[in-house]
Amino acid sequence: MLAEAVRAGTAPAAVVLLEPDPILAVGAVVAAELYDRRMPVVVLDEAAYHAIRTGDEVVVEADDDSATVRVSRRPNQEPTPNV
């Protein structure tokens, strides 16, 4: 399903996870191989993952070997805990 969403242009720009998910990883690999479209799947450590709040801007920059995740709070945004 993920590979088809990537092909159709309806998939998220990236997926940020707390724990690895082999099914999402395989979907991303299949999309890259079949459709030549890449969607990063990134696993963060617990502190980084839980630091993301609703309304944050999360930017994932990835290449074939590594990824960088940048989180920015929007101006005048109150931190909202993840539920």
Protein backbone atom coordinates (compact mmCIF):
# COMPACT_ATOMS: atom_id res chain seq x y z
CA MET A 1 0.00 0.00 0.00
CA LEU A 2 2.78 2.44 0.84
CA ALA A 3 4.49 1.88 -2.51
CA GLU A 4 1.22 2.64 -4.32
CA ALA A 5 0.71 5.80 -2.26
CA VAL A 6 4.24 6.91 -3.20
CA ARG A 7 3.49 6.16 -6.88
CA ALA A 8 0.19 8.09 -6.72
CA GLY A 9 1.79 11.05 -4.94
CA THR A 10 -0.43 10.65 -1.88
CA ALA A 11 2.22 9.31 0.52
CA PRO A 12 3.77 11.50 3.20
CA ALA A 13 7.05 13.22 2.32
CA ALA A 14 8.74 11.09 4.98
CA VAL A 15 7.89 8.79 7.88
CA VAL A 16 9.43 9.42 11.31
CA LEU A 17 9.23 6.49 13.73
CA LEU A 18 10.19 5.64 17.29
CA GLU A 19 10.77 1.96 16.44
CA PRO A 20 11.72 0.29 13.16
CA ASP A 21 8.81 -0.98 11.09
CA PRO A 22 9.90 -3.54 8.50
CA ILE A 23 6.67 -3.27 6.48
CA LEU A 24 7.08 0.50 6.03
CA ALA A 25 10.74 0.05 5.17
CA VAL A 26 9.93 -2.58 2.53
CA GLY A 27 7.21 -0.33 1.08
CA ALA A 28 9.68 2.52 0.74
CA VAL A 29 12.27 0.24 -0.89
CA VAL A 30 9.69 -1.17 -3.33
CA ALA A 31 8.59 2.35 -4.31
CA ALA A 32 12.19 3.35 -4.92
CA GLU A 33 12.89 0.27 -7.03
CA LEU A 34 9.65 0.13 -9.04
CA TYR A 35 8.83 3.82 -9.43
CA ASP A 36 12.17 5.54 -8.81
CA ARG A 37 10.50 7.65 -6.10
CA ARG A 38 12.05 7.89 -2.69
CA MET A 39 10.35 8.37 0.66
CA PRO A 40 12.63 8.43 3.71
CA VAL A 41 11.73 6.23 6.67
CA VAL A 42 13.65 7.48 9.71
CA VAL A 43 13.89 6.00 13.21
CA LEU A 44 14.66 8.50 15.97
CA ASP A 45 15.89 7.84 19.47
CA GLU A 46 13.30 8.17 22.22
CA ALA A 47 14.33 11.67 23.36
CA ALA A 48 14.29 13.13 19.84
CA TYR A 49 11.00 11.45 18.97
CA HIS A 50 9.23 12.63 22.12
CA ALA A 51 10.55 16.17 21.65
CA ILE A 52 8.33 16.55 18.55
CA ARG A 53 5.06 18.29 19.37
CA THR A 54 1.83 18.80 17.48
CA GLY A 55 2.27 21.77 15.17
CA ASP A 56 6.06 21.48 14.92
CA GLU A 57 7.62 21.72 11.49
CA VAL A 58 9.63 18.54 10.88
CA VAL A 59 12.07 18.56 7.96
CA VAL A 60 13.72 15.33 6.85
CA GLU A 61 16.71 15.60 4.52
CA ALA A 62 17.90 12.23 3.30
CA ASP A 63 20.23 10.66 0.80
CA ASP A 64 21.05 7.02 0.15
CA ASP A 65 23.20 6.66 3.28
CA SER A 66 21.91 9.00 5.98
CA ALA A 67 19.18 11.37 7.07
CA THR A 68 18.94 14.56 9.09
CA VAL A 69 15.78 15.50 10.96
CA ARG A 70 15.22 19.13 11.92
CA VAL A 71 12.36 20.19 14.20
CA SER A 72 11.21 23.80 14.48
CA ARG A 73 8.54 25.26 16.69
CA ARG A 74 6.24 27.70 14.96
CA PRO A 75 6.21 31.23 16.41
CA ASN A 76 3.82 31.76 19.34
CA GLN A 77 3.23 28.03 19.60
CA GLU A 78 2.57 26.53 22.97
CA PRO A 79 4.19 23.11 23.34
CA THR A 80 1.52 20.41 23.06
CA PRO A 81 2.46 17.00 24.38
CA ASN A 82 2.10 14.04 22.05
CA VAL A 83 -0.88 11.93 22.94
